[in-house]
C-alpha atoms as a PDB file:
ATOM      1  CA  MET A   1       0.000   0.000   0.000  1.00  0.00           C
ATOM      2  CA  LEU A   2       1.375   3.373  -1.079  1.00  0.00           C
ATOM      3  CA  PHE A   3       0.978   6.012   1.642  1.00  0.00           C
ATOM      4  CA  PRO A   4       2.357   9.502   0.814  1.00  0.00           C
ATOM      5  CA  CYS A   5       2.386  12.041   3.602  1.00  0.00           C
ATOM      6  CA  ARG A   6       3.221  15.697   4.052  1.00  0.00           C
ATOM      7  CA  ASP A   7       2.333  17.708   7.148  1.00  0.00           C
ATOM      8  CA  ALA A   8      -0.564  15.492   8.235  1.00  0.00           C
ATOM      9  CA  ALA A   9       0.341  15.053  11.907  1.00  0.00           C
ATOM     10  CA  ALA A  10      -3.094  16.202  13.068  1.00  0.00           C
ATOM     11  CA  TYR A  11      -4.768  13.383  11.120  1.00  0.00           C
ATOM     12  CA  LEU A  12      -2.183  10.589  11.009  1.00  0.00           C
ATOM     13  CA  PRO A  13      -3.195   8.780  14.229  1.00  0.00           C
ATOM     14  CA  GLN A  14      -6.775   8.304  12.998  1.00  0.00           C
ATOM     15  CA  ALA A  15      -5.576   7.216   9.530  1.00  0.00           C
ATOM     16  CA  ILE A  16      -3.130   4.715  11.037  1.00  0.00           C
ATOM     17  CA  ARG A  17      -5.761   3.287  13.392  1.00  0.00           C
ATOM     18  CA  SER A  18      -8.070   2.688  10.433  1.00  0.00           C
ATOM     19  CA  LEU A  19      -5.345   0.692   8.679  1.00  0.00           C
ATOM     20  CA  GLN A  20      -4.529  -1.279  11.811  1.00  0.00           C
ATOM     21  CA  ALA A  21      -8.217  -2.202  12.049  1.00  0.00           C
ATOM     22  CA  GLN A  22      -8.363  -3.782   8.580  1.00  0.00           C
ATOM     23  CA  THR A  23      -9.902  -7.266   8.663  1.00  0.00           C
ATOM     24  CA  PHE A  24      -7.478  -8.263   5.891  1.00  0.00           C
ATOM     25  CA  ALA A  25      -4.027  -7.875   7.445  1.00  0.00           C
ATOM     26  CA  ASP A  26      -1.610  -9.336   4.881  1.00  0.00           C
ATOM     27  CA  PHE A  27      -0.398  -6.086   3.350  1.00  0.00           C
ATOM     28  CA  GLU A  28       2.728  -3.944   3.379  1.00  0.00           C
ATOM     29  CA  VAL A  29       2.819  -0.170   3.783  1.00  0.00           C
ATOM     30  CA  VAL A  30       5.339   2.056   2.034  1.00  0.00           C
ATOM     31  CA  ALA A  31       4.978   5.381   3.831  1.00  0.00           C
ATOM     32  CA  VAL A  32       6.638   8.298   2.053  1.00  0.00           C
ATOM     33  CA  ASP A  33       7.313  11.369   4.173  1.00  0.00           C
ATOM     34  CA  ASP A  34       7.609  14.177   1.641  1.00  0.00           C
ATOM     35  CA  GLY A  35       9.538  16.695   3.726  1.00  0.00           C
ATOM     36  CA  SER A  36       7.017  17.146   6.534  1.00  0.00           C
ATOM     37  CA  ALA A  37       7.751  19.929   9.007  1.00  0.00           C
ATOM     38  CA  ASP A  38       5.028  19.213  11.577  1.00  0.00           C
ATOM     39  CA  GLY A  39       6.182  15.988  13.224  1.00  0.00           C
ATOM     40  CA  SER A  40       4.565  13.638  10.683  1.00  0.00           C
ATOM     41  CA  GLY A  41       7.920  11.984  10.024  1.00  0.00           C
ATOM     42  CA  GLU A  42       8.364  11.115  13.690  1.00  0.00           C
ATOM     43  CA  LEU A  43       4.849   9.663  13.877  1.00  0.00           C
ATOM     44  CA  LEU A  44       5.579   7.521  10.815  1.00  0.00           C
ATOM     45  CA  GLU A  45       8.894   6.365  12.326  1.00  0.00           C
ATOM     46  CA  ARG A  46       7.104   5.300  15.503  1.00  0.00           C
ATOM     47  CA  TRP A  47       4.533   3.393  13.433  1.00  0.00           C
ATOM     48  CA  ALA A  48       7.270   1.631  11.464  1.00  0.00           C
ATOM     49  CA  ARG A  49       9.020   0.559  14.687  1.00  0.00           C
ATOM     50  CA  MET A  50       5.788  -0.879  16.058  1.00  0.00           C
ATOM     51  CA  ASP A  51       4.530  -2.579  12.866  1.00  0.00           C
ATOM     52  CA  GLY A  52       6.845  -4.726  10.763  1.00  0.00           C
ATOM     53  CA  ARG A  53       4.617  -4.268   7.712  1.00  0.00           C
ATOM     54  CA  VAL A  54       5.561  -0.590   7.484  1.00  0.00           C
ATOM     55  CA  ARG A  55       8.608   0.801   5.688  1.00  0.00           C
ATOM     56  CA  LEU A  56       9.387   4.513   5.746  1.00  0.00           C
ATOM     57  CA  LEU A  57      10.991   6.521   2.949  1.00  0.00           C
ATOM     58  CA  ARG A  58      11.885  10.134   3.736  1.00  0.00           C
ATOM     59  CA  LEU A  59      12.195  12.703   0.938  1.00  0.00           C
ATOM     60  CA  GLY A  60      12.907  16.429   0.950  1.00  0.00           C
ATOM     61  CA  ARG A  61       9.655  18.031  -0.282  1.00  0.00           C
ATOM     62  CA  SER A  62       9.895  16.485  -3.729  1.00  0.00           C
ATOM     63  CA  GLY A  63       6.197  16.868  -4.551  1.00  0.00           C
ATOM     64  CA  LEU A  64       3.388  14.335  -4.669  1.00  0.00           C
ATOM     65  CA  THR A  65       4.155  12.831  -8.083  1.00  0.00           C
ATOM     66  CA  GLU A  66       7.777  12.166  -7.182  1.00  0.00           C
ATOM     67  CA  ALA A  67       6.748  10.801  -3.762  1.00  0.00           C
ATOM     68  CA  LEU A  68       4.356   8.394  -5.498  1.00  0.00           C
ATOM     69  CA  ARG A  69       7.003   7.329  -8.006  1.00  0.00           C
ATOM     70  CA  ALA A  70       9.622   6.728  -5.321  1.00  0.00           C
ATOM     71  CA  GLY A  71       7.191   4.865  -3.085  1.00  0.00           C
ATOM     72  CA  ALA A  72       5.822   2.708  -5.897  1.00  0.00           C
ATOM     73  CA  GLU A  73       9.330   1.438  -6.641  1.00  0.00           C
ATOM     74  CA  LEU A  74       9.455  -0.005  -3.113  1.00  0.00           C
ATOM     75  CA  CYS A  75       6.068  -1.732  -3.302  1.00  0.00           C
ATOM     76  CA  HIS A  76       6.417  -5.435  -4.118  1.00  0.00           C
ATOM     77  CA  GLY A  77       2.911  -6.878  -4.013  1.00  0.00           C
ATOM     78  CA  GLU A  78       0.831  -8.186  -6.907  1.00  0.00           C
ATOM     79  CA  TYR A  79      -1.587  -5.342  -6.245  1.00  0.00           C
ATOM     80  CA  LEU A  80      -0.731  -1.697  -5.619  1.00  0.00           C
ATOM     81  CA  ALA A  81      -3.190   0.153  -3.376  1.00  0.00           C
ATOM     82  CA  ARG A  82      -3.366   3.844  -2.438  1.00  0.00           C
ATOM     83  CA  PHE A  83      -4.273   5.609   0.747  1.00  0.00           C
ATOM     84  CA  ASP A  84      -3.925   9.208   1.968  1.00  0.00           C
ATOM     85  CA  ALA A  85      -2.511  10.213   5.343  1.00  0.00           C
ATOM     86  CA  ASP A  86      -5.506  12.304   6.369  1.00  0.00           C
ATOM     87  CA  ASP A  87      -8.281   9.868   5.413  1.00  0.00           C
ATOM     88  CA  VAL A  88     -10.033   6.968   7.144  1.00  0.00           C
ATOM     89  CA  ALA A  89     -10.482   3.472   5.713  1.00  0.00           C
ATOM     90  CA  HIS A  90     -13.492   1.276   6.429  1.00  0.00           C
ATOM     91  CA  PRO A  91     -12.277  -1.888   8.227  1.00  0.00           C
ATOM     92  CA  LEU A  92     -13.416  -3.998   5.259  1.00  0.00           C
ATOM     93  CA  ARG A  93     -11.786  -1.863   2.564  1.00  0.00           C
ATOM     94  CA  PHE A  94      -8.731  -3.967   1.670  1.00  0.00           C
ATOM     95  CA  GLY A  95     -10.499  -7.297   2.097  1.00  0.00           C
ATOM     96  CA  ARG A  96     -13.536  -6.392   0.009  1.00  0.00           C
ATOM     97  CA  GLN A  97     -11.507  -4.680  -2.706  1.00  0.00           C
ATOM     98  CA  LEU A  98      -9.018  -7.525  -2.996  1.00  0.00           C
ATOM     99  CA  GLN A  99     -11.862 -10.054  -3.139  1.00  0.00           C
ATOM    100  CA  PHE A 100     -13.432  -7.971  -5.914  1.00  0.00           C
ATOM    101  CA  MET A 101     -10.191  -7.809  -7.924  1.00  0.00           C
ATOM    102  CA  ARG A 102      -9.513 -11.535  -7.541  1.00  0.00           C
ATOM    103  CA  GLY A 103     -13.045 -12.377  -8.617  1.00  0.00           C
ATOM    104  CA  ARG A 104     -12.922 -10.082 -11.650  1.00  0.00           C
ATOM    105  CA  PRO A 105      -9.732 -10.866 -13.599  1.00  0.00           C
ATOM    106  CA  ASP A 106     -11.001  -8.593 -16.395  1.00  0.00           C
ATOM    107  CA  ILE A 107     -10.650  -5.549 -14.127  1.00  0.00           C
ATOM    108  CA  ALA A 108      -7.260  -3.806 -14.233  1.00  0.00           C
ATOM    109  CA  ALA A 109      -7.973  -1.237 -11.526  1.00  0.00           C
ATOM    110  CA  SER A 110     -10.723  -0.444  -9.068  1.00  0.00           C
ATOM    111  CA  GLY A 111     -11.792   2.130  -6.550  1.00  0.00           C
ATOM    112  CA  THR A 112     -14.588   2.169  -4.011  1.00  0.00           C
ATOM    113  CA  HIS A 113     -17.487   4.426  -3.239  1.00  0.00           C
ATOM    114  CA  ILE A 114     -16.650   7.224  -0.810  1.00  0.00           C
ATOM    115  CA  ARG A 115     -18.060   9.560   1.809  1.00  0.00           C
ATOM    116  CA  TYR A 116     -16.647  13.038   2.390  1.00  0.00           C
ATOM    117  CA  PHE A 117     -16.192  14.243   5.962  1.00  0.00           C
ATOM    118  CA  PRO A 118     -16.430  16.157   8.281  1.00  0.00           C
ATOM    119  CA  ALA A 119     -19.959  17.093   7.263  1.00  0.00           C
ATOM    120  CA  GLU A 120     -19.732  20.689   8.471  1.00  0.00           C
ATOM    121  CA  VAL A 121     -17.016  21.615   5.947  1.00  0.00           C
ATOM    122  CA  VAL A 122     -18.164  19.585   2.928  1.00  0.00           C
ATOM    123  CA  GLY A 123     -19.508  21.930   0.249  1.00  0.00           C
ATOM    124  CA  TRP A 124     -22.080  21.335  -2.471  1.00  0.00           C
ATOM    125  CA  GLY A 125     -19.397  20.696  -5.109  1.00  0.00           C
ATOM    126  CA  ALA A 126     -17.871  17.846  -3.106  1.00  0.00           C
ATOM    127  CA  ARG A 127     -21.329  16.370  -2.418  1.00  0.00           C
ATOM    128  CA  ARG A 128     -22.167  16.583  -6.113  1.00  0.00           C
ATOM    129  CA  TYR A 129     -18.935  14.725  -7.000  1.00  0.00           C
ATOM    130  CA  GLU A 130     -19.635  12.169  -4.251  1.00  0.00           C
ATOM    131  CA  ARG A 131     -23.123  11.445  -5.637  1.00  0.00           C
ATOM    132  CA  TRP A 132     -21.778  11.156  -9.183  1.00  0.00           C
ATOM    133  CA  LEU A 133     -18.866   8.909  -8.203  1.00  0.00           C
ATOM    134  CA  ASN A 134     -21.061   6.667  -6.058  1.00  0.00           C
ATOM    135  CA  GLY A 135     -23.303   6.133  -9.079  1.00  0.00           C
ATOM    136  CA  LEU A 136     -20.443   4.493 -10.990  1.00  0.00           C
ATOM    137  CA  SER A 137     -19.599   0.819 -10.404  1.00  0.00           C
ATOM    138  CA  GLU A 138     -19.416  -1.285 -13.565  1.00  0.00           C
ATOM    139  CA  PRO A 139     -16.712  -0.815 -16.239  1.00  0.00           C
ATOM    140  CA  GLU A 140     -19.220   0.390 -18.815  1.00  0.00           C
ATOM    141  CA  GLN A 141     -20.333   3.204 -16.495  1.00  0.00           C
ATOM    142  CA  LEU A 142     -16.791   4.351 -15.751  1.00  0.00           C
ATOM    143  CA  ALA A 143     -15.793   4.195 -19.436  1.00  0.00           C
ATOM    144  CA  ARG A 144     -18.879   6.215 -20.406  1.00  0.00           C
ATOM    145  CA  ASP A 145     -18.140   9.013 -17.902  1.00  0.00           C
ATOM    146  CA  ILE A 146     -14.347   8.933 -17.847  1.00  0.00           C
ATOM    147  CA  PHE A 147     -13.992  12.370 -19.465  1.00  0.00           C
ATOM    148  CA  VAL A 148     -16.553  13.989 -17.147  1.00  0.00           C
ATOM    149  CA  GLU A 149     -14.389  13.687 -14.018  1.00  0.00           C
ATOM    150  CA  CYS A 150     -11.923  11.167 -12.608  1.00  0.00           C
ATOM    151  CA  PRO A 151     -14.208   8.136 -12.016  1.00  0.00           C
ATOM    152  CA  ILE A 152     -11.994   6.538  -9.358  1.00  0.00           C
ATOM    153  CA  ALA A 153     -11.196   8.375  -6.130  1.00  0.00           C
ATOM    154  CA  HIS A 154      -7.400   8.260  -6.029  1.00  0.00           C
ATOM    155  CA  PRO A 155      -7.002   7.288  -2.341  1.00  0.00           C
ATOM    156  CA  THR A 156      -9.248   4.254  -3.003  1.00  0.00           C
ATOM    157  CA  LEU A 157      -7.298   3.029  -6.035  1.00  0.00           C
ATOM    158  CA  MET A 158      -6.150  -0.591  -6.199  1.00  0.00           C
ATOM    159  CA  LEU A 159      -4.622  -1.882  -9.411  1.00  0.00           C
ATOM    160  CA  ARG A 160      -2.659  -4.802 -10.705  1.00  0.00           C
ATOM    161  CA  ARG A 161       1.010  -3.938 -10.459  1.00  0.00           C
ATOM    162  CA  SER A 162       1.737  -5.467 -13.872  1.00  0.00           C
ATOM    163  CA  VAL A 163      -0.735  -3.079 -15.523  1.00  0.00           C
ATOM    164  CA  PHE A 164       0.593  -0.125 -13.521  1.00  0.00           C
ATOM    165  CA  GLU A 165       4.069  -0.820 -14.880  1.00  0.00           C
ATOM    166  CA  GLU A 166       2.850  -1.428 -18.428  1.00  0.00           C
ATOM    167  CA  VAL A 167       1.369   2.075 -18.678  1.00  0.00           C
ATOM    168  CA  GLY A 168       4.389   3.744 -17.086  1.00  0.00           C
ATOM    169  CA  GLY A 169       3.226   4.426 -13.531  1.00  0.00           C
ATOM    170  CA  TYR A 170       2.834   7.973 -12.259  1.00  0.00           C
ATOM    171  CA  GLN A 171       4.068  10.570 -14.745  1.00  0.00           C
ATOM    172  CA  SER A 172       2.274  13.911 -14.797  1.00  0.00           C
ATOM    173  CA  GLU A 173       3.719  17.089 -13.330  1.00  0.00           C
ATOM    174  CA  SER A 174       1.455  19.576 -15.133  1.00  0.00           C
ATOM    175  CA  TRP A 175      -2.036  18.239 -14.372  1.00  0.00           C
ATOM    176  CA  PRO A 176      -3.581  15.803 -11.866  1.00  0.00           C
ATOM    177  CA  GLU A 177      -1.351  12.745 -11.561  1.00  0.00           C
ATOM    178  CA  ASP A 178      -4.259  10.483 -10.616  1.00  0.00           C
ATOM    179  CA  TYR A 179      -6.494  11.466 -13.551  1.00  0.00           C
ATOM    180  CA  ASP A 180      -3.519  11.184 -15.892  1.00  0.00           C
ATOM    181  CA  LEU A 181      -2.915   7.611 -14.730  1.00  0.00           C
ATOM    182  CA  ILE A 182      -6.601   6.649 -15.004  1.00  0.00           C
ATOM    183  CA  LEU A 183      -6.866   8.105 -18.516  1.00  0.00           C
ATOM    184  CA  ARG A 184      -3.690   6.301 -19.596  1.00  0.00           C
ATOM    185  CA  LEU A 185      -5.206   3.050 -18.341  1.00  0.00           C
ATOM    186  CA  HIS A 186      -8.391   3.817 -20.300  1.00  0.00           C
ATOM    187  CA  ALA A 187      -6.431   4.677 -23.453  1.00  0.00           C
ATOM    188  CA  ALA A 188      -4.603   1.356 -23.149  1.00  0.00           C
ATOM    189  CA  GLY A 189      -7.927  -0.513 -23.113  1.00  0.00           C
ATOM    190  CA  ALA A 190      -7.950  -1.344 -19.395  1.00  0.00           C
ATOM    191  CA  ARG A 191     -11.306  -2.025 -17.723  1.00  0.00           C
ATOM    192  CA  LEU A 192     -11.956   0.024 -14.583  1.00  0.00           C
ATOM    193  CA  ALA A 193     -14.591  -0.410 -11.874  1.00  0.00           C
ATOM    194  CA  ASN A 194     -15.642   0.669  -8.397  1.00  0.00           C
ATOM    195  CA  VAL A 195     -16.616  -1.625  -5.538  1.00  0.00           C
ATOM    196  CA  PRO A 196     -20.252  -0.532  -4.959  1.00  0.00           C
ATOM    197  CA  GLN A 197     -19.843   0.099  -1.248  1.00  0.00           C
ATOM    198  CA  VAL A 198     -18.621   3.084   0.777  1.00  0.00           C
ATOM    199  CA  LEU A 199     -15.244   1.816   1.993  1.00  0.00           C
ATOM    200  CA  HIS A 200     -13.348   5.083   2.247  1.00  0.00           C
ATOM    201  CA  PHE A 201     -13.934   8.291   4.180  1.00  0.00           C
ATOM    202  CA  TRP A 202     -12.326  11.196   2.357  1.00  0.00           C
ATOM    203  CA  ARG A 203     -11.364  14.193   4.447  1.00  0.00           C
ATOM    204  CA  GLU A 204     -12.323  17.579   3.014  1.00  0.00           C
ATOM    205  CA  ARG A 205      -9.840  20.368   3.817  1.00  0.00           C
ATOM    206  CA  SER A 206      -9.458  23.874   2.435  1.00  0.00           C
ATOM    207  CA  ASP A 207      -5.674  23.372   2.308  1.00  0.00           C
ATOM    208  CA  ARG A 208      -5.774  20.156   0.262  1.00  0.00           C
ATOM    209  CA  ALA A 209      -3.415  20.207  -2.725  1.00  0.00           C
ATOM    210  CA  SER A 210      -6.407  19.745  -5.017  1.00  0.00           C
ATOM    211  CA  ARG A 211      -7.754  23.050  -3.674  1.00  0.00           C
ATOM    212  CA  THR A 212      -4.523  25.051  -3.765  1.00  0.00           C
ATOM    213  CA  GLU A 213      -2.197  23.829  -6.559  1.00  0.00           C
ATOM    214  CA  LEU A 214      -2.523  24.990 -10.175  1.00  0.00           C
ATOM    215  CA  ARG A 215      -2.120  21.487 -11.569  1.00  0.00           C
ATOM    216  CA  TYR A 216      -5.502  20.624 -10.032  1.00  0.00           C
ATOM    217  CA  SER A 217      -7.243  23.690 -11.497  1.00  0.00           C
ATOM    218  CA  ALA A 218     -10.160  23.494 -13.928  1.00  0.00           C
ATOM    219  CA  ASP A 219      -7.802  24.547 -16.725  1.00  0.00           C
ATOM    220  CA  ALA A 220      -5.380  21.717 -15.895  1.00  0.00           C
ATOM    221  CA  PHE A 221      -8.221  19.161 -15.905  1.00  0.00           C
ATOM    222  CA  ARG A 222      -9.367  20.435 -19.327  1.00  0.00           C
ATOM    223  CA  ARG A 223      -5.872  20.157 -20.787  1.00  0.00           C
ATOM    224  CA  CYS A 224      -5.600  16.615 -19.438  1.00  0.00           C
ATOM    225  CA  LYS A 225      -8.959  15.648 -20.945  1.00  0.00           C
ATOM    226  CA  VAL A 226      -8.080  17.139 -24.343  1.00  0.00           C
ATOM    227  CA  GLN A 227      -4.746  15.300 -24.384  1.00  0.00           C
ATOM    228  CA  TYR A 228      -6.418  11.919 -23.920  1.00  0.00           C
ATOM    229  CA  LEU A 229      -9.425  12.693 -26.118  1.00  0.00           C
ATOM    230  CA  ARG A 230      -6.938  13.224 -28.948  1.00  0.00           C
ATOM    231  CA  ALA A 231      -5.396   9.837 -28.130  1.00  0.00           C
ATOM    232  CA  THR A 232      -8.746   8.029 -28.099  1.00  0.00           C
ATOM    233  CA  ASP A 233     -12.040   9.408 -29.465  1.00  0.00           C
ATOM    234  CA  LEU A 234     -10.362  12.127 -31.536  1.00  0.00           C
ATOM    235  CA  ARG A 235      -7.466  10.129 -32.937  1.00  0.00           C
ATOM    236  CA  GLY A 236      -5.855  11.907 -35.851  1.00  0.00           C
ATOM    237  CA  GLN A 237      -6.871  15.414 -34.759  1.00  0.00           C
ATOM    238  CA  GLY A 238      -4.569  18.308 -34.017  1.00  0.00           C
ATOM    239  CA  ARG A 239      -1.220  19.634 -35.099  1.00  0.00           C
ATOM    240  CA  GLY A 240       1.051  17.199 -36.837  1.00  0.00           C
ATOM    241  CA  ARG A 241      -1.454  14.348 -36.601  1.00  0.00           C
ATOM    242  CA  GLY A 242      -2.929  14.466 -40.113  1.00  0.00           C
ATOM    243  CA  ARG A 243      -6.518  13.777 -41.066  1.00  0.00           C
ATOM    244  CA  GLY A 244      -8.068  11.058 -38.903  1.00  0.00           C
ATOM    245  CA  ARG A 245     -11.482   9.532 -38.431  1.00  0.00           C
ATOM    246  CA  ARG A 246     -12.663  12.827 -36.812  1.00  0.00           C
ATOM    247  CA  ASP A 247     -12.074  15.752 -39.154  1.00  0.00           C
ATOM    248  CA  SER A 248     -13.869  18.209 -36.842  1.00  0.00           C
ATOM    249  CA  VAL A 249     -15.928  18.389 -33.664  1.00  0.00           C
ATOM    250  CA  ALA A 250     -18.932  20.289 -32.365  1.00  0.00           C
ATOM    251  CA  VAL A 251     -19.319  21.403 -28.764  1.00  0.00           C
ATOM    252  CA  TRP A 252     -22.737  21.136 -27.133  1.00  0.00           C
ATOM    253  CA  GLY A 253     -22.873  24.045 -24.735  1.00  0.00           C
ATOM    254  CA  ALA A 254     -22.282  27.694 -25.613  1.00  0.00           C
ATOM    255  CA  GLY A 255     -21.935  28.745 -21.980  1.00  0.00           C
ATOM    256  CA  ARG A 256     -18.729  29.215 -20.017  1.00  0.00           C
ATOM    257  CA  VAL A 257     -17.948  25.489 -19.728  1.00  0.00           C
ATOM    258  CA  GLY A 258     -18.415  24.874 -23.453  1.00  0.00           C
ATOM    259  CA  LYS A 259     -16.479  27.970 -24.520  1.00  0.00           C
ATOM    260  CA  ASP A 260     -13.533  27.090 -22.268  1.00  0.00           C
ATOM    261  CA  PHE A 261     -13.483  23.557 -23.632  1.00  0.00           C
ATOM    262  CA  ALA A 262     -13.642  24.766 -27.243  1.00  0.00           C
ATOM    263  CA  ARG A 263     -10.675  27.051 -26.643  1.00  0.00           C
ATOM    264  CA  ALA A 264      -8.684  24.206 -25.079  1.00  0.00           C
ATOM    265  CA  LEU A 265      -9.364  22.138 -28.204  1.00  0.00           C
ATOM    266  CA  SER A 266      -8.339  25.018 -30.431  1.00  0.00           C
ATOM    267  CA  ASP A 267      -5.098  25.447 -28.463  1.00  0.00           C
ATOM    268  CA  VAL A 268      -3.975  21.990 -29.633  1.00  0.00           C
ATOM    269  CA  GLY A 269      -5.190  22.433 -33.193  1.00  0.00           C
ATOM    270  CA  VAL A 270      -8.520  20.627 -33.023  1.00  0.00           C
ATOM    271  CA  THR A 271     -11.144  22.319 -35.219  1.00  0.00           C
ATOM    272  CA  VAL A 272     -14.462  23.223 -33.604  1.00  0.00           C
ATOM    273  CA  ARG A 273     -17.032  23.462 -36.385  1.00  0.00           C
ATOM    274  CA  ALA A 274     -20.032  24.583 -34.330  1.00  0.00           C
ATOM    275  CA  PHE A 275     -21.590  25.047 -30.913  1.00  0.00           C
ATOM    276  CA  TYR A 276     -25.000  23.571 -30.119  1.00  0.00           C
ATOM    277  CA  ASP A 277     -27.312  25.059 -27.504  1.00  0.00           C
ATOM    278  CA  ILE A 278     -30.995  25.414 -26.633  1.00  0.00           C
ATOM    279  CA  ASP A 279     -30.798  28.973 -25.273  1.00  0.00           C
ATOM    280  CA  PRO A 280     -32.601  31.230 -27.785  1.00  0.00           C
ATOM    281  CA  ASP A 281     -30.362  34.155 -26.786  1.00  0.00           C
ATOM    282  CA  LYS A 282     -27.295  32.196 -27.911  1.00  0.00           C
ATOM    283  CA  ILE A 283     -28.633  30.459 -31.039  1.00  0.00           C
ATOM    284  CA  GLY A 284     -27.554  32.328 -34.163  1.00  0.00           C
ATOM    285  CA  GLN A 285     -24.667  34.096 -32.449  1.00  0.00           C
ATOM    286  CA  ARG A 286     -20.976  33.456 -33.161  1.00  0.00           C
ATOM    287  CA  ILE A 287     -18.367  32.675 -30.522  1.00  0.00           C
ATOM    288  CA  ASP A 288     -14.758  33.112 -31.648  1.00  0.00           C
ATOM    289  CA  ASP A 289     -16.288  33.129 -35.151  1.00  0.00           C
ATOM    290  CA  ILE A 290     -17.893  29.704 -34.551  1.00  0.00           C
ATOM    291  CA  PRO A 291     -21.675  29.560 -35.138  1.00  0.00           C
ATOM    292  CA  VAL A 292     -24.101  28.611 -32.376  1.00  0.00           C
ATOM    293  CA  ARG A 293     -26.769  26.275 -33.751  1.00  0.00           C
ATOM    294  CA  ASP A 294     -30.086  25.062 -32.371  1.00  0.00           C
ATOM    295  CA  ALA A 295     -29.488  21.741 -30.614  1.00  0.00           C
ATOM    296  CA  ARG A 296     -33.161  20.854 -30.991  1.00  0.00           C
ATOM    297  CA  ARG A 297     -32.655  20.533 -34.732  1.00  0.00           C
ATOM    298  CA  LEU A 298     -30.242  17.623 -34.341  1.00  0.00           C
ATOM    299  CA  ASP A 299     -32.034  14.760 -36.097  1.00  0.00           C
ATOM    300  CA  GLY A 300     -30.542  11.519 -37.353  1.00  0.00           C
ATOM    301  CA  ARG A 301     -26.916  11.023 -38.330  1.00  0.00           C
ATOM    302  CA  GLY A 302     -25.167  11.851 -41.537  1.00  0.00           C
ATOM    303  CA  GLY A 303     -21.715  10.903 -42.724  1.00  0.00           C
ATOM    304  CA  GLY A 304     -20.547  14.501 -42.531  1.00  0.00           C
ATOM    305  CA  ASP A 305     -21.813  15.194 -39.022  1.00  0.00           C
ATOM    306  CA  PRO A 306     -19.121  16.278 -36.570  1.00  0.00           C
ATOM    307  CA  TYR A 307     -18.336  14.362 -33.434  1.00  0.00           C
ATOM    308  CA  ILE A 308     -20.095  16.054 -30.485  1.00  0.00           C
ATOM    309  CA  LEU A 309     -18.452  16.878 -27.169  1.00  0.00           C
ATOM    310  CA  VAL A 310     -21.055  17.644 -24.513  1.00  0.00           C
ATOM    311  CA  ALA A 311     -19.647  20.380 -22.240  1.00  0.00           C
ATOM    312  CA  VAL A 312     -22.526  21.581 -20.061  1.00  0.00           C
ATOM    313  CA  GLY A 313     -22.068  22.020 -16.329  1.00  0.00           C
ATOM    314  CA  ALA A 314     -25.674  22.530 -15.192  1.00  0.00           C
ATOM    315  CA  SER A 315     -26.978  19.888 -12.803  1.00  0.00           C
ATOM    316  CA  GLY A 316     -29.067  17.265 -14.604  1.00  0.00           C
ATOM    317  CA  ALA A 317     -28.240  18.580 -18.079  1.00  0.00           C
ATOM    318  CA  ARG A 318     -25.992  15.669 -19.020  1.00  0.00           C
ATOM    319  CA  GLU A 319     -28.716  13.048 -18.802  1.00  0.00           C
ATOM    320  CA  LEU A 320     -31.211  15.225 -20.670  1.00  0.00           C
ATOM    321  CA  ILE A 321     -28.723  15.748 -23.488  1.00  0.00           C
ATOM    322  CA  ARG A 322     -27.903  12.057 -23.601  1.00  0.00           C
ATOM    323  CA  GLY A 323     -31.594  11.319 -23.973  1.00  0.00           C
ATOM    324  CA  GLN A 324     -31.959  13.750 -26.857  1.00  0.00           C
ATOM    325  CA  LEU A 325     -28.870  12.469 -28.677  1.00  0.00           C
ATOM    326  CA  THR A 326     -29.972   8.868 -28.235  1.00  0.00           C
ATOM    327  CA  ALA A 327     -33.420   9.729 -29.582  1.00  0.00           C
ATOM    328  CA  ALA A 328     -31.707  11.324 -32.574  1.00  0.00           C
ATOM    329  CA  GLY A 329     -29.932   8.035 -33.307  1.00  0.00           C
ATOM    330  CA  ARG A 330     -26.506   8.984 -31.995  1.00  0.00           C
ATOM    331  CA  ARG A 331     -24.437   6.488 -30.041  1.00  0.00           C
ATOM    332  CA  GLU A 332     -22.118   7.082 -27.121  1.00  0.00           C
ATOM    333  CA  PRO A 333     -19.114   7.167 -27.429  1.00  0.00           C
ATOM    334  CA  GLU A 334     -19.102   6.433 -31.179  1.00  0.00           C
ATOM    335  CA  ASP A 335     -20.885   9.694 -32.093  1.00  0.00           C
ATOM    336  CA  TYR A 336     -20.539  11.840 -28.983  1.00  0.00           C
ATOM    337  CA  ARG A 337     -18.810  12.049 -25.633  1.00  0.00           C
ATOM    338  CA  CYS A 338     -19.708  13.877 -22.406  1.00  0.00           C
ATOM    339  CA  VAL A 339     -16.775  15.917 -21.129  1.00  0.00           C
ATOM    340  CA  ALA A 340     -18.419  17.872 -18.277  1.00  0.00           C
END
């Protein structure tokens, strides 16, 4: 189990107790202290002295990606599992997840359903992500929504070490390292799933890296999505790639989310032929010289129709749009893909 830590002394005792309480006990812990200055290193040293399953690696504030890389090199098991130093694991987490992976040899990596805590600091955005994530279990569901958000909560990840090594492990320094890994697994054809049970309690904190570092910003997520869309659904698009099976795309959503996504596509040379929307104030306008068309006029499929990227952030909009596109004879992901 890969356990990176930086300045988590206030939460480490509870995290450690939750691991000591696991009903499945045959696991190793590689704890990586990434230059903590609050006594976390000493707490980890004490844990390692008391528990022979724990090995401690101390680094000098190398950053999370490097801490994960260094720690992963020291993990020897058939399965590589993740856990964060400020979270709490359900006592059944490792046992249930390992049972799931052993019973599903087609699954390369899995997560679990989650619950954010403490309740008094969990905002609506985190609750919305929690509800969405906890609605994803089977590989088909995760593959369908993989470009909406990261469909596996990183601290719940368990994957086959052989697959982890095949795709190159942790790599990204410029956008979220966990989403980058999950999208590389997807691009390689790996099947992903979630154990349909809340087995992880994810601490919400205003000083979490995902709240404070630029590589977890909305812009960084968009750039990551566009990179892997070009490698999968949009193969052949963009600068230096030549004409592929997608010669252009349309973006459903002429609001802020859609416009930002269209510009991210344009930045890498992907042509956006049109926006689609249902807002009468937007239909007929031009955005960056791209026309906004009436989405309600989408009927049937023609050979020249562009591939549609659905980039609408409003709650409930995604399912309504999916229903309309399905009724119009368009298939997901062959003809369109939801990206927000």
